[in-house]
Structure formats: C-alpha cells, structure tokens
Amino acid sequence: MPNPPPFRRVAILGTGLIGGSFALALRKHFPGVFIVGFDRSDATNPALTRGAIDRIASDLSAAIPGADLVYIALPIGAALDALPLIASAAEPHTLVTDACSTKAEICKVATGHFRGGVRFIGGHPMAGKEHSGFQNADAELFRGAPYALSGTEQDPDARVKGFVEILAAIGARPVWCDPETHDWAVSIVSHMPQLISIALARVVQDETDETGLPLSLAGQGLRDTLRLAGSPYSVWRDILFSNTENISRALDRMSQAIDYLRTHLTSKEMEEEFVNANAVYGSLRKPK
C-alpha cells in the first residue's frame, strides 16, 4: 500500500532537475500528496504533462498558501530573494526547506524571516547530473545519496521528522551538520572537483593542435574525468559567489598536492600516493 504522506500539500519552487526529481519521487512514494509547482513556464510545463505535479503556478505567492511543506529548488540567489515572500505567504504550521548547494548564507538569512510558527531547515541533496532541467529529472535521483540537513538528528519538531521520513522513503541518506561545516565540506568533495574538471578541460583544449592530438586519442578515462565539465555555469555561478573563501582554500590545497606530485614523479613516495588514493576511492559509498 502507498505510504501515508507526512505532508498533505507540497509546494515545490523550481521544477528543474532537483525540484522535478523531488516531485517525481514524492509522486512515486506518496501518491496522495497534492503538489503545486512554481515555474514561470506555462501549462505545457513538462512537470505537469508528466504527472509529477498537480498544478503549476507562475506566480510565487500563488504556490505557497495552504502548503504544509515548501521545497525551495531555486538557484541560491533566487532562493534568497524569495525568502521574504515565502515567509509572508506560508501558513504558521508550514515547514520550509531548501535544496541549495551552500547553506551558511541562506540559513542565516532565513533565521531573520521565519518566525511565528513557520519552521525553516536547510537542506542539500548531494545528487545531480551534469545536465539540468526537468527533462533530466528522475524519481530515483536521491536514492543512496547523502542529503545534508542543517541541525541535529535529535530535532524534536514533528515537521522535521516528517521530512526525514520523506527522505528515507525516496532513498536519501540524511547527514546532519551545521551550515558552516557543510560549506567547508562541499567545497572539497563537490565544488573543487567541479573546478578541477573545468581546469582539465581547458588544458586539453589548449594543448590540442591542428591534427586533433591529443584529444583524438582520448578514451573513456578522460570522458569519465570530464563528466562534471558538462555542467553549465548558470548552475554554478551562485555557488562560486556564496562559497568563495572555502573553494579558494580547497583549490590552494589541491595546488599543494599537485606540486607534491610534480616533485615526486620518480620517487618511491608515488606508490604510497597511489595506495592512499585507491583507499579513498574504495571508501566511497556506491548508491544502492
């Protein structure tokens, strides 16, 4: 039997890859929930035509009233701009959460807006694809993936427990941490890898000559390594602006690691570097 939904009405603000995938996952595991999506597109929005949502609202203020859960799946800048309106339109019993890639700024700003019963909890699904848009949305996108939540696992609020219940149903793995720690951590495991992929693409492009070499000799290894380079700047602009210090520090650390490799290319220490790298790779959890 379908799971009874912990929230009867959900407003998903932004029906792209993350918001669309969340809608599809909700529809799959909690078919009884009524889902309103906010998007400036018209009624031909694919999230509507594929049955992920019940109604599209082209005005933000029209999507929120009556919602038990408001899920913000907008770019960080747009999410910050929307917080005052969300706070004024949300019901006192509403839980508001976001899916933005950095947490310190939005959690700080939200603290000043959400009072009088409305509860905000920062969130960040560590799931995605190099291509954005609802056309790439997937109900299984979150399965096996870490899902950062700002706070503690002992949070007594029933609304937070209900959201954690949703995460368990869609297969996500909650990881609790404070916003500042989150932003430091993702600068290393998410933001730095993205920029390394971009830098590698630049080197390959600059080194490729009129004969097509070395790019014409590239195999699956380069394609795997450059997968993140397929992600558009529009997805990353606000991330780079909102986590600049942590990302800069991570890139400095990477530069040091590269310098170390450069000076030890023919030394016995290289074997240890490979052994350590193999261990880190082996420790990564694979999605179930």
Protein backbone atom coordinates (compact mmCIF):
# COMPACT_ATOMS: atom_id res chain seq x y z
CA MET A 1 0.00 0.00 0.00
CA PRO A 2 1.19 3.58 -0.63
CA ASN A 3 2.75 5.40 2.28
CA PRO A 4 0.51 7.99 4.01
CA PRO A 5 2.12 11.36 3.25
CA PRO A 6 3.55 13.27 6.24
CA PHE A 7 2.53 16.44 4.37
CA ARG A 8 -0.77 16.73 2.52
CA ARG A 9 0.14 19.64 0.26
CA VAL A 10 3.65 20.42 -1.01
CA ALA A 11 4.82 23.48 -2.91
CA ILE A 12 7.97 22.89 -4.99
CA LEU A 13 9.54 26.17 -6.02
CA GLY A 14 11.53 25.41 -9.15
CA THR A 15 10.73 22.38 -11.32
CA GLY A 16 14.16 21.77 -12.84
CA LEU A 17 16.39 18.76 -12.20
CA ILE A 18 16.27 18.78 -8.39
CA GLY A 19 12.75 20.11 -7.88
CA GLY A 20 11.41 17.91 -10.67
CA SER A 21 13.15 14.83 -9.29
CA PHE A 22 11.76 15.56 -5.82
CA ALA A 23 8.27 15.87 -7.31
CA LEU A 24 8.63 12.58 -9.18
CA ALA A 25 9.94 10.85 -6.06
CA LEU A 26 7.04 12.20 -3.98
CA ARG A 27 4.56 11.11 -6.60
CA LYS A 28 6.05 7.61 -6.63
CA HIS A 29 6.18 7.05 -2.87
CA PHE A 30 3.37 9.33 -1.63
CA PRO A 31 0.79 9.40 -4.44
CA GLY A 32 -1.80 11.00 -2.14
CA VAL A 33 0.09 14.27 -1.74
CA PHE A 34 -1.07 17.31 -3.70
CA ILE A 35 1.90 19.02 -5.36
CA VAL A 36 1.97 22.59 -6.60
CA GLY A 37 4.97 23.62 -8.67
CA PHE A 38 6.23 27.15 -9.16
CA ASP A 39 7.68 27.84 -12.58
CA ARG A 40 7.40 30.76 -14.94
CA SER A 41 6.60 28.37 -17.77
CA ASP A 42 3.02 27.96 -18.93
CA ALA A 43 0.67 24.99 -18.63
CA THR A 44 2.77 22.97 -21.10
CA ASN A 45 5.43 22.64 -18.39
CA PRO A 46 6.75 19.04 -18.67
CA ALA A 47 6.46 18.53 -14.91
CA LEU A 48 2.70 18.96 -15.35
CA THR A 49 2.36 16.91 -18.50
CA ARG A 50 4.36 14.01 -16.98
CA GLY A 51 2.13 13.97 -13.92
CA ALA A 52 4.85 14.97 -11.44
CA ILE A 53 2.76 17.85 -10.12
CA ASP A 54 -0.92 18.67 -9.91
CA ARG A 55 -0.79 22.38 -10.66
CA ILE A 56 1.71 24.93 -11.97
CA ALA A 57 1.76 28.42 -10.51
CA SER A 58 3.57 31.09 -12.50
CA ASP A 59 3.45 33.44 -9.50
CA LEU A 60 5.43 32.54 -6.38
CA SER A 61 2.83 33.87 -3.98
CA ALA A 62 0.15 31.67 -5.57
CA ALA A 63 2.09 28.44 -4.99
CA ILE A 64 2.64 28.75 -1.25
CA PRO A 65 -0.71 29.31 0.55
CA GLY A 66 -2.03 26.10 2.10
CA ALA A 67 1.23 24.19 1.67
CA ASP A 68 2.39 22.08 4.60
CA LEU A 69 5.86 21.77 3.05
CA VAL A 70 7.61 24.35 0.87
CA TYR A 71 10.60 22.92 -1.00
CA ILE A 72 12.86 25.61 -2.48
CA ALA A 73 14.69 24.24 -5.52
CA LEU A 74 15.87 27.57 -6.93
CA PRO A 75 19.39 28.90 -7.52
CA ILE A 76 20.87 30.37 -4.34
CA GLY A 77 20.42 33.99 -5.39
CA ALA A 78 16.79 33.46 -6.39
CA ALA A 79 16.13 31.48 -3.21
CA LEU A 80 17.48 34.30 -1.05
CA ASP A 81 15.35 36.83 -2.92
CA ALA A 82 12.26 34.66 -2.43
CA LEU A 83 12.59 34.17 1.34
CA PRO A 84 10.65 37.31 2.41
CA LEU A 85 7.71 36.47 0.17
CA ILE A 86 7.73 32.81 1.27
CA ALA A 87 7.75 33.89 4.91
CA SER A 88 4.77 36.20 4.40
CA ALA A 89 2.73 33.66 2.41
CA ALA A 90 3.45 30.49 4.38
CA GLU A 91 0.98 29.12 6.94
CA PRO A 92 2.12 29.04 10.60
CA HIS A 93 2.33 25.22 10.52
CA THR A 94 4.49 25.10 7.38
CA LEU A 95 7.94 23.56 7.12
CA VAL A 96 10.17 25.37 4.64
CA THR A 97 13.33 23.72 3.34
CA ASP A 98 15.73 24.41 0.52
CA ALA A 99 17.96 22.34 -1.75
CA CYS A 100 20.66 24.97 -2.34
CA SER A 101 24.29 23.91 -2.68
CA THR A 102 25.58 26.21 0.08
CA LYS A 103 23.99 26.63 3.47
CA ALA A 104 25.61 29.33 5.62
CA GLU A 105 24.10 32.37 3.91
CA ILE A 106 20.60 31.05 3.33
CA CYS A 107 20.30 29.64 6.85
CA LYS A 108 21.44 32.95 8.31
CA VAL A 109 19.00 34.98 6.21
CA ALA A 110 16.15 32.54 6.85
CA THR A 111 16.59 32.93 10.61
CA GLY A 112 15.55 36.56 10.28
CA HIS A 113 12.46 35.81 8.22
CA PHE A 114 10.82 32.64 9.56
CA ARG A 115 9.10 33.32 12.86
CA GLY A 116 5.64 32.89 14.29
CA GLY A 117 5.47 29.14 13.82
CA VAL A 118 6.90 28.68 10.33
CA ARG A 119 9.95 26.43 10.55
CA PHE A 120 12.96 26.51 8.21
CA ILE A 121 15.54 23.76 7.86
CA GLY A 122 18.42 23.97 5.43
CA GLY A 123 18.96 21.03 3.11
CA HIS A 124 21.21 19.96 0.28
CA PRO A 125 20.83 16.73 -1.70
CA MET A 126 24.26 15.51 -2.82
CA ALA A 127 22.74 14.25 -6.03
CA GLY A 128 22.56 15.61 -9.52
CA LYS A 129 23.58 15.26 -13.12
CA GLU A 130 25.77 17.27 -15.42
CA HIS A 131 22.67 18.27 -17.38
CA SER A 132 19.93 20.33 -15.76
CA GLY A 133 16.21 20.78 -16.44
CA PHE A 134 13.12 18.72 -15.79
CA GLN A 135 13.81 16.65 -18.90
CA ASN A 136 16.64 15.05 -16.90
CA ALA A 137 14.62 14.63 -13.68
CA ASP A 138 14.50 11.15 -12.16
CA ALA A 139 12.44 9.77 -9.28
CA GLU A 140 15.48 7.70 -8.24
CA LEU A 141 17.94 10.62 -8.28
CA PHE A 142 18.23 10.76 -4.48
CA ARG A 143 18.49 7.02 -3.85
CA GLY A 144 21.67 6.17 -1.96
CA ALA A 145 22.84 9.79 -1.98
CA PRO A 146 23.79 11.83 1.10
CA TYR A 147 21.31 14.56 1.94
CA ALA A 148 22.75 17.31 4.16
CA LEU A 149 20.42 18.77 6.79
CA SER A 150 21.28 21.79 8.91
CA GLY A 151 20.66 20.90 12.51
CA THR A 152 20.75 17.79 14.68
CA GLU A 153 19.23 14.36 14.38
CA GLN A 154 17.56 14.87 17.77
CA ASP A 155 15.36 17.71 16.46
CA PRO A 156 12.00 17.18 18.22
CA ASP A 157 9.90 19.08 15.66
CA ALA A 158 7.35 16.70 14.10
CA ARG A 159 7.61 18.58 10.81
CA VAL A 160 11.33 17.89 10.59
CA LYS A 161 10.69 14.24 11.44
CA GLY A 162 8.13 14.14 8.63
CA PHE A 163 10.65 15.49 6.15
CA VAL A 164 13.23 12.93 7.28
CA GLU A 165 10.55 10.30 6.72
CA ILE A 166 10.23 11.51 3.12
CA LEU A 167 13.99 11.32 2.65
CA ALA A 168 14.01 7.74 3.91
CA ALA A 169 11.21 6.81 1.52
CA ILE A 170 12.98 8.25 -1.53
CA GLY A 171 16.22 6.53 -0.54
CA ALA A 172 18.29 9.53 0.56
CA ARG A 173 20.74 9.32 3.48
CA PRO A 174 20.45 12.25 5.93
CA VAL A 175 23.74 13.77 7.10
CA TRP A 176 23.35 16.35 9.87
CA CYS A 177 25.81 19.23 10.21
CA ASP A 178 25.88 22.95 10.88
CA PRO A 179 25.78 25.29 7.83
CA GLU A 180 29.40 26.46 8.06
CA THR A 181 30.73 22.90 8.33
CA HIS A 182 28.59 21.91 5.36
CA ASP A 183 30.02 24.67 3.17
CA TRP A 184 33.59 23.71 4.06
CA ALA A 185 32.89 20.04 3.35
CA VAL A 186 31.19 20.51 -0.01
CA SER A 187 33.95 22.85 -1.16
CA ILE A 188 36.24 19.82 -1.01
CA VAL A 189 34.03 16.97 -2.21
CA SER A 190 31.81 18.84 -4.70
CA HIS A 191 32.91 22.34 -5.66
CA MET A 192 36.63 21.63 -6.04
CA PRO A 193 36.07 18.54 -8.25
CA GLN A 194 33.84 20.65 -10.49
CA LEU A 195 36.53 23.29 -10.96
CA ILE A 196 39.25 20.70 -11.45
CA SER A 197 37.17 19.24 -14.26
CA ILE A 198 36.83 22.70 -15.80
CA ALA A 199 40.58 23.29 -15.49
CA LEU A 200 41.37 19.91 -17.07
CA ALA A 201 39.08 20.71 -20.00
CA ARG A 202 40.94 23.99 -20.52
CA VAL A 203 44.33 22.25 -20.55
CA VAL A 204 43.12 19.61 -23.00
CA GLN A 205 41.65 22.27 -25.28
CA ASP A 206 44.76 24.45 -25.17
CA GLU A 207 47.08 21.52 -25.85
CA THR A 208 45.09 20.09 -28.75
CA ASP A 209 46.75 21.02 -32.06
CA GLU A 210 45.52 21.25 -35.65
CA THR A 211 45.85 17.47 -36.09
CA GLY A 212 43.40 16.87 -33.24
CA LEU A 213 46.02 15.44 -30.90
CA PRO A 214 45.98 14.75 -28.00
CA LEU A 215 42.15 14.93 -27.84
CA SER A 216 41.70 12.41 -30.67
CA LEU A 217 43.50 9.81 -28.55
CA ALA A 218 41.26 10.33 -25.52
CA GLY A 219 39.41 7.30 -24.19
CA GLN A 220 36.72 6.62 -21.62
CA GLY A 221 39.02 7.64 -18.78
CA LEU A 222 39.12 11.26 -19.91
CA ARG A 223 35.39 11.26 -20.56
CA ASP A 224 34.73 9.95 -17.04
CA THR A 225 37.06 12.56 -15.55
CA LEU A 226 35.49 15.38 -17.55
CA ARG A 227 31.87 14.41 -16.82
CA LEU A 228 31.45 17.35 -14.45
CA ALA A 229 32.68 19.74 -17.15
CA GLY A 230 29.32 19.25 -18.86
CA SER A 231 27.58 21.19 -16.09
CA PRO A 232 26.54 24.73 -17.13
CA TYR A 233 27.92 27.88 -15.50
CA SER A 234 24.37 29.02 -14.71
CA VAL A 235 24.16 26.19 -12.16
CA TRP A 236 27.48 27.09 -10.55
CA ARG A 237 27.59 30.90 -10.59
CA ASP A 238 25.78 31.41 -7.28
CA ILE A 239 27.72 28.56 -5.67
CA LEU A 240 31.04 30.20 -6.52
CA PHE A 241 29.83 33.54 -5.20
CA SER A 242 28.38 32.16 -1.97
CA ASN A 243 31.27 29.83 -1.02
CA THR A 244 34.26 31.70 -2.42
CA GLU A 245 36.52 31.51 0.62
CA ASN A 246 36.10 27.78 1.17
CA ILE A 247 36.52 27.00 -2.53
CA SER A 248 39.64 29.15 -2.76
CA ARG A 249 41.12 27.33 0.24
CA ALA A 250 40.29 23.95 -1.32
CA LEU A 251 41.96 24.94 -4.60
CA ASP A 252 45.06 26.06 -2.68
CA ARG A 253 45.18 22.65 -1.04
CA MET A 254 44.84 20.96 -4.42
CA SER A 255 47.63 23.12 -5.83
CA GLN A 256 49.87 21.94 -2.99
CA ALA A 257 49.01 18.31 -3.71
CA ILE A 258 49.82 18.75 -7.41
CA ASP A 259 53.13 20.42 -6.54
CA TYR A 260 53.97 17.44 -4.33
CA LEU A 261 53.25 15.00 -7.15
CA ARG A 262 55.33 17.04 -9.57
CA THR A 263 58.37 16.82 -7.31
CA HIS A 264 57.93 13.10 -6.60
CA LEU A 265 57.14 11.68 -10.05
CA THR A 266 60.06 9.22 -9.98
CA SER A 267 60.33 8.68 -6.24
CA LYS A 268 59.16 5.77 -4.13
CA GLU A 269 56.68 8.08 -2.42
CA MET A 270 54.47 7.89 -5.52
CA GLU A 271 53.49 4.33 -4.68
CA GLU A 272 52.16 5.47 -1.32
CA GLU A 273 50.15 8.21 -3.05
CA PHE A 274 48.52 5.61 -5.29
CA VAL A 275 47.81 3.31 -2.33
CA ASN A 276 46.17 6.16 -0.42
CA ALA A 277 44.18 7.23 -3.47
CA ASN A 278 43.00 3.65 -4.04
CA ALA A 279 41.82 3.50 -0.42
CA VAL A 280 39.87 6.77 -0.68
CA TYR A 281 38.22 5.60 -3.89
CA GLY A 282 37.35 2.28 -2.29
CA SER A 283 35.77 4.00 0.70
CA LEU A 284 33.21 5.88 -1.39
CA ARG A 285 29.72 4.54 -0.93
CA LYS A 286 28.03 3.45 -4.10
CA PRO A 287 24.32 4.32 -4.47
CA LYS A 288 22.12 1.29 -3.85
